[in-house]
C-alpha atoms as a PDB file:
ATOM      1  CA  MET A   1     -16.613 -12.469 -20.489  1.00  0.00           C
ATOM      2  CA  ILE A   2     -12.775 -11.425 -20.518  1.00  0.00           C
ATOM      3  CA  MET A   3     -11.401  -9.403 -17.185  1.00  0.00           C
ATOM      4  CA  LYS A   4     -10.335  -6.372 -17.519  1.00  0.00           C
ATOM      5  CA  ARG A   5      -6.722  -5.292 -16.208  1.00  0.00           C
ATOM      6  CA  VAL A   6      -6.469  -2.476 -14.122  1.00  0.00           C
ATOM      7  CA  LEU A   7      -3.273  -2.819 -12.347  1.00  0.00           C
ATOM      8  CA  ARG A   8       0.007  -4.657 -12.433  1.00  0.00           C
ATOM      9  CA  ILE A   9       2.187  -4.481  -9.927  1.00  0.00           C
ATOM     10  CA  PRO A  10       5.799  -6.266 -10.788  1.00  0.00           C
ATOM     11  CA  ARG A  11       8.778  -6.740  -7.885  1.00  0.00           C
ATOM     12  CA  PHE A  12      11.841  -9.189  -8.656  1.00  0.00           C
ATOM     13  CA  ASN A  13      13.222 -11.568  -6.070  1.00  0.00           C
ATOM     14  CA  LYS A  14      16.950 -11.081  -4.566  1.00  0.00           C
ATOM     15  CA  GLU A  15      17.659 -13.429  -7.708  1.00  0.00           C
ATOM     16  CA  GLY A  16      16.274 -11.225  -9.931  1.00  0.00           C
ATOM     17  CA  LYS A  17      13.340 -13.941 -11.032  1.00  0.00           C
ATOM     18  CA  PRO A  18       9.693 -11.789 -11.371  1.00  0.00           C
ATOM     19  CA  LYS A  19       6.550 -11.451  -8.778  1.00  0.00           C
ATOM     20  CA  THR A  20       3.596  -9.702  -9.850  1.00  0.00           C
ATOM     21  CA  LEU A  21       0.406  -8.366  -8.503  1.00  0.00           C
ATOM     22  CA  GLU A  22      -2.525  -7.736 -10.949  1.00  0.00           C
ATOM     23  CA  LEU A  23      -5.926  -6.598 -10.097  1.00  0.00           C
ATOM     24  CA  LEU A  24      -8.676  -7.240 -12.720  1.00  0.00           C
ATOM     25  CA  MET A  25     -12.354  -6.536 -12.605  1.00  0.00           C
ATOM     26  CA  ASP A  26     -15.509  -8.271 -14.650  1.00  0.00           C
ATOM     27  CA  SER A  27     -18.026  -4.310 -15.059  1.00  0.00           C
ATOM     28  CA  PRO A  28     -21.727  -4.700 -13.737  1.00  0.00           C
ATOM     29  CA  ASN A  29     -23.543  -6.685 -16.448  1.00  0.00           C
ATOM     30  CA  LEU A  30     -26.910  -8.387 -16.637  1.00  0.00           C
ATOM     31  CA  ASN A  31     -26.467 -12.372 -15.934  1.00  0.00           C
ATOM     32  CA  GLU A  32     -28.406 -14.946 -17.610  1.00  0.00           C
ATOM     33  CA  LYS A  33     -32.050 -13.950 -16.435  1.00  0.00           C
ATOM     34  CA  GLY A  34     -31.455 -11.118 -16.784  1.00  0.00           C
ATOM     35  CA  PHE A  35     -30.955  -9.926 -13.306  1.00  0.00           C
ATOM     36  CA  PRO A  36     -28.194  -7.415 -12.809  1.00  0.00           C
ATOM     37  CA  GLN A  37     -24.435  -9.051 -11.844  1.00  0.00           C
ATOM     38  CA  GLU A  38     -22.040  -6.799  -9.346  1.00  0.00           C
ATOM     39  CA  ALA A  39     -18.757  -6.842 -11.069  1.00  0.00           C
ATOM     40  CA  ARG A  40     -16.146  -9.205  -9.652  1.00  0.00           C
ATOM     41  CA  LEU A  41     -12.653  -8.258  -9.001  1.00  0.00           C
ATOM     42  CA  LEU A  42      -9.634 -10.827  -8.656  1.00  0.00           C
ATOM     43  CA  LEU A  43      -6.388 -10.035  -7.354  1.00  0.00           C
ATOM     44  CA  VAL A  44      -3.575 -12.548  -8.985  1.00  0.00           C
ATOM     45  CA  ILE A  45       0.141 -13.117  -7.691  1.00  0.00           C
ATOM     46  CA  ASP A  46       2.029 -14.971 -10.319  1.00  0.00           C
ATOM     47  CA  ASP A  47       5.647 -15.917  -9.381  1.00  0.00           C
ATOM     48  CA  GLY A  48       7.171 -17.253 -11.993  1.00  0.00           C
ATOM     49  CA  LYS A  49       5.254 -20.373 -11.995  1.00  0.00           C
ATOM     50  CA  ASN A  50       2.325 -20.553  -9.875  1.00  0.00           C
ATOM     51  CA  ARG A  51       0.072 -17.858 -10.708  1.00  0.00           C
ATOM     52  CA  ILE A  52      -2.997 -17.743  -8.002  1.00  0.00           C
ATOM     53  CA  GLY A  53      -6.253 -15.585  -7.972  1.00  0.00           C
ATOM     54  CA  PHE A  54      -8.017 -14.895  -4.897  1.00  0.00           C
ATOM     55  CA  GLN A  55     -11.598 -13.592  -6.022  1.00  0.00           C
ATOM     56  CA  LEU A  56     -13.115 -10.467  -3.977  1.00  0.00           C
ATOM     57  CA  THR A  57     -16.998  -9.366  -3.771  1.00  0.00           C
ATOM     58  CA  THR A  58     -17.565  -5.620  -4.442  1.00  0.00           C
ATOM     59  CA  ALA A  59     -18.692  -6.094  -0.424  1.00  0.00           C
ATOM     60  CA  GLU A  60     -14.714  -7.357   0.492  1.00  0.00           C
ATOM     61  CA  ALA A  61     -12.891  -5.127  -2.645  1.00  0.00           C
ATOM     62  CA  ALA A  62     -14.741  -1.948  -0.335  1.00  0.00           C
ATOM     63  CA  LEU A  63     -13.801  -3.661   2.753  1.00  0.00           C
ATOM     64  CA  LEU A  64      -9.805  -4.085   2.398  1.00  0.00           C
ATOM     65  CA  TYR A  65     -10.047  -0.234   0.576  1.00  0.00           C
ATOM     66  CA  GLN A  66     -11.327   1.128   3.786  1.00  0.00           C
ATOM     67  CA  ARG A  67      -8.661  -0.975   5.766  1.00  0.00           C
ATOM     68  CA  LEU A  68      -5.539   0.497   3.510  1.00  0.00           C
ATOM     69  CA  SER A  69      -7.084   3.597   3.424  1.00  0.00           C
ATOM     70  CA  TYR A  70      -6.663   3.091   7.081  1.00  0.00           C
ATOM     71  CA  VAL A  71      -3.117   1.608   7.604  1.00  0.00           C
ATOM     72  CA  LEU A  72      -1.852   4.200   4.955  1.00  0.00           C
ATOM     73  CA  ASN A  73      -2.780   7.440   6.840  1.00  0.00           C
ATOM     74  CA  GLU A  74      -1.497   5.402  10.222  1.00  0.00           C
ATOM     75  CA  THR A  75       1.982   4.826   8.322  1.00  0.00           C
ATOM     76  CA  ALA A  76       1.923   7.917   7.166  1.00  0.00           C
ATOM     77  CA  LYS A  77       1.247   9.628  10.268  1.00  0.00           C
ATOM     78  CA  GLU A  78       4.020   7.146  11.950  1.00  0.00           C
ATOM     79  CA  TYR A  79       6.472   8.546   9.686  1.00  0.00           C
ATOM     80  CA  ILE A  80       5.956  11.864  10.478  1.00  0.00           C
ATOM     81  CA  GLN A  81       6.478  11.807  13.961  1.00  0.00           C
ATOM     82  CA  ILE A  82       9.558   9.549  13.356  1.00  0.00           C
ATOM     83  CA  GLU A  83      10.759  12.521  11.053  1.00  0.00           C
ATOM     84  CA  GLU A  84       9.974  14.943  13.494  1.00  0.00           C
ATOM     85  CA  LYS A  85      11.433  13.271  16.552  1.00  0.00           C
ATOM     86  CA  ASN A  86      14.709  13.126  14.262  1.00  0.00           C
ATOM     87  CA  ARG A  87      14.697  16.397  12.994  1.00  0.00           C
ATOM     88  CA  LYS A  88      14.484  17.782  16.040  1.00  0.00           C
ATOM     89  CA  ASN A  89      17.668  15.494  17.471  1.00  0.00           C
ATOM     90  CA  PHE A  90      19.550  16.639  14.924  1.00  0.00           C
ATOM     91  CA  GLU A  91      19.069  20.329  15.627  1.00  0.00           C
ATOM     92  CA  SER A  92      19.865  19.902  19.071  1.00  0.00           C
ATOM     93  CA  ARG A  93      22.768  17.844  18.783  1.00  0.00           C
ATOM     94  CA  LYS A  94      24.013  20.643  16.385  1.00  0.00           C
ATOM     95  CA  ALA A  95      22.758  23.613  18.901  1.00  0.00           C
ATOM     96  CA  ARG A  96      25.187  21.314  21.203  1.00  0.00           C
ATOM     97  CA  ASP A  97      28.310  20.653  18.749  1.00  0.00           C
ATOM     98  CA  SER A  98      28.594  25.027  18.017  1.00  0.00           C
ATOM     99  CA  ARG A  99      28.455  25.423  21.953  1.00  0.00           C
ATOM    100  CA  ASP A 100      31.282  22.914  22.406  1.00  0.00           C
ATOM    101  CA  GLU A 101      32.901  24.816  19.826  1.00  0.00           C
ATOM    102  CA  GLU A 102      32.224  28.263  21.445  1.00  0.00           C
ATOM    103  CA  LYS A 103      33.542  26.738  24.467  1.00  0.00           C
ATOM    104  CA  GLU A 104      36.901  25.594  22.428  1.00  0.00           C
ATOM    105  CA  GLU A 105      37.452  29.202  20.909  1.00  0.00           C
ATOM    106  CA  ILE A 106      40.164  30.990  22.306  1.00  0.00           C
ATOM    107  CA  PRO A 107      39.564  33.396  25.199  1.00  0.00           C
ATOM    108  CA  PRO A 108      39.873  37.237  25.233  1.00  0.00           C
ATOM    109  CA  GLU A 109      42.528  37.270  27.829  1.00  0.00           C
ATOM    110  CA  TYR A 110      44.961  35.332  25.658  1.00  0.00           C
ATOM    111  CA  PHE A 111      44.416  39.112  23.184  1.00  0.00           C
ATOM    112  CA  GLU A 112      45.728  41.150  25.986  1.00  0.00           C
ATOM    113  CA  ASP A 113      48.920  41.905  25.123  1.00  0.00           C
ATOM    114  CA  MET A 114      48.613  42.482  21.017  1.00  0.00           C
ATOM    115  CA  PRO A 115      48.769  45.837  20.517  1.00  0.00           C
ATOM    116  CA  PRO A 116      45.489  46.613  19.051  1.00  0.00           C
ATOM    117  CA  ASP A 117      44.891  46.914  15.153  1.00  0.00           C
ATOM    118  CA  ASP A 118      45.764  50.476  14.569  1.00  0.00           C
ATOM    119  CA  GLN A 119      48.554  49.844  15.649  1.00  0.00           C
ATOM    120  CA  LEU A 120      49.940  47.474  13.417  1.00  0.00           C
END
């Protein structure tokens, strides 16, 4: 049976040489004795010279899916925390800078000897 490619992720290294990660699958079917056979999944890494495959059972694929989902959720939370901390730091720096600018303004007593606007 021919495996179907369901995912292909290309990458290029620093020298511009391609690498790919592929996910191939065989659909569930009946074996030669007439019993149902689970789908087969194959992860393939191709670096342009070598092509290496790693076959997964559906249970292993489910575990990989679960762990990837968990890791993606955790990294998203961490990213949001870093982004919020960075935003708060930026806002506090911005507020501090504006307070410093206010301190640099000319005090009103410098203008005491100036005539009012209507006398100009």
